[in-house]
Amino acid sequence: MRKPKMILFDYGQTLVNEKIFDGVKGTEAVLKYATKNKYNKTAEELQAYANELNKELGRFDPEKRHLFQVEVPNRMFSKYLYESQGVEIHLSSEEMDSVFWDAAAPGTPTDGVEEFLEFLKKNGIRTGVISNISYSGKAVTKRINDCLPNNDFEFIIATSEYMYRKPNKHIFELALEKAELSPEDVWFIGDQYQCDIVGAKEAGMQPVWYIGAIDMKYEQKEDVLTVKTWKELVDILGELD
C-alpha cells in the first residue's frame, strides 16, 4: 500500500453524518414558498406521492441502490412532483434543493473528520469529493462548506450533474481526470460497501471503508482496509511515511 497523493471522500455518513431523513419536514419547508396549491395538497400527501414515484423508479432501496447507476436529478424529480399535483413553488431548483434538504436531513461533521482534513492539508495530501446524490452540485457544495468551512477540497462531484452514480467506473474516471492523477495514487473513502468500496477498487483506487457513522450491522471484509475513526487513518498514513 502506497501513500496517496490525493484522498477522495464520499459525502453522506463519511464526511457528514445526516439525521434520519424526514421527507414530510422537507416538503413542509418547500410548501412555505408555494404561490399556488390548486388541490390544497398537504406535505404528507405530497411526500406519500413522492414515495410512490421513488418506489416505481427503484431509488433508495438499500439492498439494490448499487444497481441504480444513473442519477435522477432532484430538479427533475421535484419539478414533476409539484407541477403534476397542481403546486407552484417560488424557488429556483437549487434553492428548492437546499430548503428541502436542510429541513429533511440536517447534517453535522462526523467525529474527528475536521481534524483529519487538517492533517491531510498539513501533509500535502490533496482532497476531493464524489457523492451519489440527487441534489444539485451547488446545493451539495453549500452543504459541505457549511458543515466543513475549513475544507480544502479541489472539487466536489455530485452525481446529479454528471449522470453516472458510484459504483459505475465513469464517475471515478471523471475524478481522476480532474485530479490529473493515476488511480494508484488515489484513495477513496466511503461508508457504502458496494458503491464506494467495490466501485473504487474496480477503478484501480485504494478503497477505505469508513464505518464510524454507520448505524447498522456490517459484515467485516478481510481484504478491505476498514476504519472506525479518523485517528486510525492518521496512524496508518504515518506508518507509510
Protein backbone atom coordinates (compact mmCIF):
# COMPACT_ATOMS: atom_id res chain seq x y z
CA MET A 1 0.00 0.00 0.00
CA ARG A 2 1.45 3.34 -1.08
CA LYS A 3 0.91 6.76 0.43
CA PRO A 4 -1.74 8.65 -1.58
CA LYS A 5 -1.20 11.90 -3.41
CA MET A 6 -4.93 12.53 -3.06
CA ILE A 7 -7.82 11.21 -0.99
CA LEU A 8 -11.37 11.37 -2.31
CA PHE A 9 -14.32 11.20 0.06
CA ASP A 10 -17.92 10.12 -0.11
CA TYR A 11 -20.26 12.70 1.42
CA GLY A 12 -23.10 11.15 3.43
CA GLN A 13 -22.14 9.22 6.58
CA THR A 14 -18.49 9.73 5.69
CA LEU A 15 -17.80 13.46 5.80
CA VAL A 16 -21.18 14.38 7.22
CA ASN A 17 -23.50 12.39 9.44
CA GLU A 18 -27.10 13.16 8.47
CA LYS A 19 -30.08 12.75 10.75
CA ILE A 20 -32.78 10.25 9.81
CA PHE A 21 -34.45 11.50 6.65
CA ASP A 22 -37.87 13.13 7.19
CA GLY A 23 -39.37 13.95 3.81
CA VAL A 24 -42.52 15.46 5.30
CA LYS A 25 -40.46 18.11 7.12
CA GLY A 26 -38.64 18.87 3.90
CA THR A 27 -41.85 19.20 1.92
CA GLU A 28 -43.38 21.40 4.63
CA ALA A 29 -40.42 23.75 4.30
CA VAL A 30 -40.79 23.91 0.50
CA LEU A 31 -44.55 24.48 0.67
CA LYS A 32 -43.94 27.72 2.55
CA TYR A 33 -42.83 29.09 -0.82
CA ALA A 34 -45.90 27.89 -2.73
CA THR A 35 -47.62 30.53 -4.86
CA LYS A 36 -50.30 28.08 -5.97
CA ASN A 37 -51.71 24.89 -4.46
CA LYS A 38 -54.62 24.04 -6.73
CA TYR A 39 -55.82 21.00 -4.75
CA ASN A 40 -54.67 22.14 -1.29
CA LYS A 41 -52.18 19.30 -1.08
CA THR A 42 -50.58 18.75 2.31
CA ALA A 43 -46.93 17.94 2.88
CA GLU A 44 -47.95 14.44 3.93
CA GLU A 45 -49.90 13.87 0.71
CA LEU A 46 -47.10 15.18 -1.49
CA GLN A 47 -44.45 13.13 0.27
CA ALA A 48 -46.60 10.00 0.02
CA TYR A 49 -46.79 10.54 -3.74
CA ALA A 50 -43.03 11.16 -3.87
CA ASN A 51 -42.51 7.83 -2.09
CA GLU A 52 -44.65 6.08 -4.70
CA LEU A 53 -42.65 7.62 -7.54
CA ASN A 54 -39.35 6.65 -5.94
CA LYS A 55 -40.56 3.10 -5.47
CA GLU A 56 -41.54 2.91 -9.14
CA LEU A 57 -38.09 4.17 -10.12
CA GLY A 58 -36.34 1.75 -7.77
CA ARG A 59 -34.44 4.51 -5.98
CA PHE A 60 -33.11 4.43 -2.41
CA ASP A 61 -33.53 0.70 -1.83
CA PRO A 62 -30.57 -0.07 0.48
CA GLU A 63 -30.26 -3.58 -0.92
CA LYS A 64 -30.31 -2.53 -4.57
CA ARG A 65 -29.05 1.06 -4.74
CA HIS A 66 -25.68 -0.05 -6.15
CA LEU A 67 -27.56 -1.41 -9.16
CA PHE A 68 -29.07 2.01 -9.85
CA GLN A 69 -26.13 3.61 -11.67
CA VAL A 70 -27.84 6.51 -13.43
CA GLU A 71 -28.73 9.55 -11.31
CA VAL A 72 -32.17 11.19 -11.32
CA PRO A 73 -31.52 14.88 -10.55
CA ASN A 74 -33.80 16.26 -7.88
CA ARG A 75 -34.57 19.31 -10.02
CA MET A 76 -36.31 16.99 -12.50
CA PHE A 77 -38.00 14.90 -9.82
CA SER A 78 -39.31 17.91 -7.87
CA LYS A 79 -40.48 19.70 -10.99
CA TYR A 80 -42.64 16.73 -11.93
CA LEU A 81 -43.79 16.09 -8.37
CA TYR A 82 -45.10 19.57 -7.67
CA GLU A 83 -46.40 20.54 -11.09
CA SER A 84 -48.24 17.22 -11.50
CA GLN A 85 -50.05 17.94 -8.24
CA GLY A 86 -51.02 21.50 -9.15
CA VAL A 87 -48.40 23.16 -6.94
CA GLU A 88 -46.17 26.06 -7.98
CA ILE A 89 -43.10 26.94 -5.90
CA HIS A 90 -41.39 30.34 -5.99
CA LEU A 91 -37.84 28.97 -5.70
CA SER A 92 -35.07 28.08 -8.13
CA SER A 93 -34.25 24.39 -8.38
CA GLU A 94 -31.03 24.93 -6.37
CA GLU A 95 -32.90 26.86 -3.68
CA MET A 96 -35.58 24.18 -3.50
CA ASP A 97 -32.93 21.50 -3.03
CA SER A 98 -31.35 23.35 -0.11
CA VAL A 99 -34.66 24.28 1.56
CA PHE A 100 -35.91 20.69 1.35
CA TRP A 101 -32.62 19.06 2.33
CA ASP A 102 -31.86 21.32 5.28
CA ALA A 103 -35.27 20.56 6.77
CA ALA A 104 -35.44 16.87 5.85
CA ALA A 105 -31.91 15.77 6.78
CA PRO A 106 -29.71 18.29 8.59
CA GLY A 107 -26.11 17.17 8.94
CA THR A 108 -23.10 17.53 11.20
CA PRO A 109 -19.45 16.56 10.59
CA THR A 110 -18.53 13.00 11.50
CA ASP A 111 -16.45 12.77 14.68
CA GLY A 112 -12.87 13.82 14.02
CA VAL A 113 -13.17 14.48 10.29
CA GLU A 114 -12.27 18.17 10.63
CA GLU A 115 -9.02 17.26 12.35
CA PHE A 116 -8.34 14.59 9.72
CA LEU A 117 -8.81 17.07 6.88
CA GLU A 118 -6.45 19.49 8.61
CA PHE A 119 -3.89 16.68 8.94
CA LEU A 120 -4.11 15.97 5.21
CA LYS A 121 -3.73 19.65 4.38
CA LYS A 122 -0.60 19.97 6.54
CA ASN A 123 0.87 16.86 4.95
CA GLY A 124 0.26 17.96 1.39
CA ILE A 125 -2.32 15.31 0.56
CA ARG A 126 -4.91 16.70 -1.83
CA THR A 127 -8.64 16.12 -1.28
CA GLY A 128 -11.90 15.99 -3.21
CA VAL A 129 -15.43 14.56 -3.03
CA ILE A 130 -17.58 12.19 -5.09
CA SER A 131 -21.15 11.91 -3.85
CA ASN A 132 -24.03 9.77 -5.10
CA ILE A 133 -26.68 12.41 -4.64
CA SER A 134 -29.70 13.82 -6.44
CA TYR A 135 -29.38 17.35 -5.06
CA SER A 136 -27.70 19.94 -7.30
CA GLY A 137 -23.97 20.44 -7.27
CA LYS A 138 -24.45 23.95 -5.84
CA ALA A 139 -26.60 22.61 -3.01
CA VAL A 140 -24.08 19.87 -2.21
CA THR A 141 -21.17 22.32 -2.25
CA LYS A 142 -23.10 24.68 0.04
CA ARG A 143 -23.92 21.85 2.47
CA ILE A 144 -20.31 20.67 2.63
CA ASN A 145 -18.92 24.18 3.01
CA ASP A 146 -21.45 24.95 5.75
CA CYS A 147 -20.54 21.78 7.65
CA LEU A 148 -16.80 21.87 6.95
CA PRO A 149 -15.92 25.54 6.36
CA ASN A 150 -12.17 24.95 6.50
CA ASN A 151 -12.09 22.21 3.87
CA ASP A 152 -9.60 22.37 1.04
CA PHE A 153 -11.49 20.22 -1.49
CA GLU A 154 -10.28 20.80 -5.04
CA PHE A 155 -13.59 19.65 -6.47
CA ILE A 156 -16.93 18.29 -5.30
CA ILE A 157 -18.58 15.92 -7.76
CA ALA A 158 -22.33 15.49 -7.30
CA THR A 159 -23.69 12.71 -9.49
CA SER A 160 -26.77 14.85 -10.19
CA GLU A 161 -24.53 16.89 -12.51
CA TYR A 162 -22.82 14.00 -14.29
CA MET A 163 -25.46 11.27 -14.77
CA TYR A 164 -23.37 8.33 -13.52
CA ARG A 165 -23.51 7.02 -9.96
CA LYS A 166 -20.97 5.00 -7.99
CA PRO A 167 -20.01 2.17 -8.41
CA ASN A 168 -20.00 2.97 -12.13
CA LYS A 169 -16.39 3.44 -13.19
CA HIS A 170 -17.14 6.53 -15.24
CA ILE A 171 -17.71 8.75 -12.20
CA PHE A 172 -14.37 7.66 -10.73
CA GLU A 173 -12.67 8.27 -14.09
CA LEU A 174 -14.09 11.80 -14.09
CA ALA A 175 -12.49 12.46 -10.71
CA LEU A 176 -9.13 11.12 -11.90
CA GLU A 177 -9.28 13.41 -14.92
CA LYS A 178 -10.00 16.42 -12.71
CA ALA A 179 -7.17 15.43 -10.36
CA GLU A 180 -4.77 14.62 -13.22
CA LEU A 181 -3.63 11.56 -11.29
CA SER A 182 -3.34 7.84 -11.90
CA PRO A 183 -5.70 5.61 -9.88
CA GLU A 184 -2.86 4.04 -7.90
CA ASP A 185 -2.09 7.48 -6.44
CA VAL A 186 -5.61 7.97 -5.08
CA TRP A 187 -7.50 6.62 -2.09
CA PHE A 188 -11.30 6.67 -1.87
CA ILE A 189 -13.07 6.66 1.49
CA GLY A 190 -16.74 5.80 1.87
CA ASP A 191 -19.29 4.06 4.06
CA GLN A 192 -21.27 2.08 1.49
CA TYR A 193 -19.60 -1.20 0.56
CA GLN A 194 -20.94 -1.84 -2.94
CA CYS A 195 -20.97 1.75 -4.19
CA ASP A 196 -17.85 3.11 -2.51
CA ILE A 197 -15.54 0.20 -1.79
CA VAL A 198 -16.24 -2.10 -4.74
CA GLY A 199 -16.53 0.86 -7.10
CA ALA A 200 -13.22 2.43 -6.04
CA LYS A 201 -11.42 -0.91 -6.17
CA GLU A 202 -12.66 -1.62 -9.69
CA ALA A 203 -11.49 1.86 -10.70
CA GLY A 204 -7.98 0.98 -9.51
CA MET A 205 -8.01 3.18 -6.41
CA GLN A 206 -7.20 2.13 -2.85
CA PRO A 207 -10.57 1.87 -1.08
CA VAL A 208 -11.01 2.63 2.61
CA TRP A 209 -14.22 1.54 4.31
CA TYR A 210 -15.18 4.11 6.94
CA ILE A 211 -17.76 2.66 9.33
CA GLY A 212 -17.60 5.25 12.09
CA ALA A 213 -21.01 6.70 11.26
CA ILE A 214 -22.83 3.55 10.17
CA ASP A 215 -25.80 2.85 12.42
CA MET A 216 -26.36 -0.68 11.18
CA LYS A 217 -24.79 -4.10 11.14
CA TYR A 218 -21.97 -4.67 8.70
CA GLU A 219 -20.02 -7.71 7.57
CA GLN A 220 -16.28 -7.45 8.07
CA LYS A 221 -14.29 -7.89 4.86
CA GLU A 222 -10.80 -9.22 5.49
CA ASP A 223 -9.38 -7.85 2.24
CA VAL A 224 -10.63 -4.29 2.80
CA LEU A 225 -8.91 -1.55 4.80
CA THR A 226 -11.61 -0.73 7.37
CA VAL A 227 -11.54 2.03 10.00
CA LYS A 228 -13.97 3.25 12.65
CA THR A 229 -12.19 6.51 13.48
CA TRP A 230 -10.27 9.10 11.50
CA LYS A 231 -7.43 8.79 14.02
CA GLU A 232 -6.85 5.23 12.77
CA LEU A 233 -6.20 6.61 9.31
CA VAL A 234 -3.80 9.23 10.65
CA ASP A 235 -1.79 6.40 12.22
CA ILE A 236 -1.87 4.33 9.00
CA LEU A 237 -0.69 7.25 6.90
CA GLY A 238 2.03 7.97 9.44
CA GLU A 239 3.36 4.44 9.08
CA LEU A 240 3.55 4.87 5.31
CA ASP A 241 5.95 7.79 5.79
